[in-house]
Protein backbone atom coordinates (compact mmCIF):
# COMPACT_ATOMS: atom_id res chain seq x y z
CA MET A 1 0.00 0.00 0.00
CA LYS A 2 2.86 2.39 0.76
CA LEU A 3 4.29 1.77 -2.70
CA VAL A 4 0.98 2.68 -4.33
CA ASN A 5 0.80 5.90 -2.31
CA LYS A 6 4.35 6.84 -3.27
CA LEU A 7 3.72 6.12 -6.96
CA THR A 8 0.54 8.20 -6.85
CA ILE A 9 2.36 11.15 -5.26
CA VAL A 10 5.24 10.95 -7.76
CA ALA A 11 2.84 10.72 -10.71
CA THR A 12 0.84 13.73 -9.46
CA LEU A 13 3.97 15.83 -8.91
CA ALA A 14 5.29 14.85 -12.35
CA THR A 15 2.21 16.37 -13.99
CA PHE A 16 3.04 19.74 -12.42
CA MET A 17 6.75 19.34 -13.15
CA PHE A 18 6.21 19.11 -16.90
CA GLY A 19 3.28 21.54 -17.06
CA GLY A 20 3.54 25.28 -17.42
CA VAL A 21 3.56 27.32 -14.23
CA SER A 22 3.36 31.11 -14.26
CA LEU A 23 3.34 33.74 -11.54
CA THR A 24 1.67 37.11 -12.05
CA TRP A 25 2.12 40.34 -10.14
CA GLY A 26 0.52 43.68 -10.81
CA ASN A 27 -2.19 46.22 -10.04
CA ALA A 28 -5.96 45.69 -9.96
CA TYR A 29 -8.40 48.58 -10.38
CA THR A 30 -12.02 47.90 -9.36
CA ASN A 31 -15.07 50.06 -10.02
CA SER A 32 -18.00 49.19 -7.77
CA VAL A 33 -21.68 49.85 -8.39
CA ALA A 34 -21.37 52.85 -6.03
CA ASP A 35 -18.86 54.37 -8.53
CA ALA A 36 -15.94 54.05 -6.13
CA LEU A 37 -12.70 53.28 -7.99
CA THR A 38 -10.22 51.39 -5.81
CA ALA A 39 -6.69 50.20 -6.53
CA ASP A 40 -5.13 47.11 -5.01
CA HIS A 41 -2.26 44.75 -5.63
CA SER A 42 -2.70 41.56 -7.63
CA PHE A 43 -0.77 38.32 -7.26
CA GLY A 44 -1.53 35.06 -9.01
CA VAL A 45 -0.33 31.54 -9.68
CA TRP A 46 -1.47 29.78 -12.88
CA LEU A 47 -1.02 26.14 -13.90
CA ASP A 48 -1.46 24.98 -17.50
CA VAL A 49 -3.77 21.99 -17.85
CA ASN A 50 -3.10 21.64 -21.59
CA ASP A 51 -2.31 23.90 -24.55
CA SER A 52 -5.62 25.76 -24.35
CA MET A 53 -6.68 25.70 -20.68
CA ALA A 54 -5.25 26.92 -17.39
CA PHE A 55 -6.44 27.32 -13.82
CA GLY A 56 -5.10 29.30 -10.92
CA TRP A 57 -5.54 31.94 -8.27
CA GLU A 58 -5.60 35.62 -9.22
CA ASN A 59 -7.86 37.72 -6.98
CA GLY A 60 -9.90 34.53 -6.58
CA LEU A 61 -10.04 31.11 -8.23
CA LYS A 62 -9.93 31.40 -12.04
CA VAL A 63 -10.22 29.06 -15.02
CA GLY A 64 -9.01 30.30 -18.40
CA PHE A 65 -9.70 29.01 -21.91
CA ASP A 66 -8.11 30.08 -25.19
CA GLY A 67 -10.32 32.49 -27.09
CA PRO A 68 -10.16 34.32 -30.41
CA ALA A 69 -7.27 36.57 -31.47
CA GLY A 70 -4.90 35.41 -28.72
CA MET A 71 -7.33 36.26 -25.92
CA GLN A 72 -8.02 34.12 -22.87
CA MET A 73 -11.63 33.77 -21.73
CA ARG A 74 -11.87 33.60 -17.91
CA MET A 75 -14.39 32.40 -15.35
CA GLY A 76 -13.79 33.16 -11.69
CA TYR A 77 -15.00 32.57 -8.18
CA THR A 78 -14.04 34.56 -5.10
CA PRO A 79 -15.23 33.13 -1.77
CA ASN A 80 -16.87 35.52 0.68
CA ALA A 81 -15.50 35.89 4.18
CA GLY A 82 -19.05 35.79 5.51
CA VAL A 83 -21.90 33.34 5.11
CA GLY A 84 -23.25 32.38 1.70
CA LEU A 85 -21.92 31.98 -1.78
CA GLY A 86 -19.05 34.04 -3.08
CA ASP A 87 -18.76 36.27 -6.13
CA THR A 88 -18.61 34.86 -9.64
CA SER A 89 -17.11 36.64 -12.63
CA VAL A 90 -16.49 36.29 -16.34
CA GLY A 91 -13.82 38.09 -18.26
CA MET A 92 -11.00 38.06 -20.74
CA SER A 93 -7.29 38.73 -20.78
CA ARG A 94 -4.61 39.39 -23.36
CA ALA A 95 -0.84 39.07 -23.13
CA TRP A 96 0.49 42.08 -25.04
CA TRP A 97 4.16 41.14 -24.84
CA THR A 98 5.86 37.81 -24.20
CA SER A 99 9.46 36.68 -24.04
CA ASN A 100 10.26 33.00 -24.26
CA GLY A 101 13.92 32.77 -23.36
CA ASP A 102 15.87 30.08 -21.56
CA GLY A 103 14.49 29.48 -18.08
CA TRP A 104 11.97 32.16 -17.11
CA GLY A 105 9.65 33.62 -19.71
CA THR A 106 8.11 37.02 -19.03
CA SER A 107 4.89 38.64 -20.16
CA LEU A 108 2.88 41.85 -19.82
CA SER A 109 -0.87 41.34 -19.81
CA THR A 110 -4.18 43.05 -19.15
CA ALA A 111 -7.34 41.35 -17.83
CA LEU A 112 -10.90 42.64 -17.49
CA ASP A 113 -13.33 40.71 -15.25
CA TRP A 114 -17.02 41.50 -14.74
CA GLY A 115 -18.90 40.53 -11.59
CA VAL A 116 -21.88 38.37 -12.51
CA ALA A 117 -23.40 37.20 -9.22
CA GLY A 118 -22.93 37.75 -5.52
CA ALA A 119 -22.02 40.96 -3.72
CA GLY A 120 -19.78 42.00 -6.63
CA ALA A 121 -22.46 41.80 -9.33
CA GLY A 122 -22.09 44.77 -11.66
CA ASP A 123 -18.51 45.52 -10.63
CA PHE A 124 -15.57 45.26 -12.99
CA THR A 125 -11.89 44.77 -12.29
CA LEU A 126 -9.10 45.84 -14.65
CA THR A 127 -5.83 44.06 -13.86
CA MET A 128 -2.42 44.84 -15.37
CA ASN A 129 0.16 42.13 -14.69
CA LEU A 130 3.80 41.31 -15.13
CA GLY A 131 4.09 37.54 -15.46
CA PHE A 132 6.95 35.11 -14.99
CA GLY A 133 6.58 31.57 -16.22
CA PHE A 134 8.47 28.41 -16.95
């Protein structure tokens, strides 16, 4: 049984080892329904599932799919600190500049997410990120 557990752990870690991992860091600007523009930091970790899909954490749990013209379509969920369901969002992002060198690759991207349900319904968040990936 211990051998099966070890093989399962190694196989799971190997999928992340050979998959793409990227870190993002930037600024997020949110406009609420009350017309209050706020600025905050943004940090994220993304894991590639395959060539056209990724999931990660960037101001909440996000799933991204390849879209038209180099865009990434995004669906998100941010849990509330209180009771009840969290906020859901849909959006898109675009990497405007990428560098694929040896080791770390860098990118500059912009994302726009719209609040669909929950306390953040009607809000939008514009995020500008510097990304590092391998």
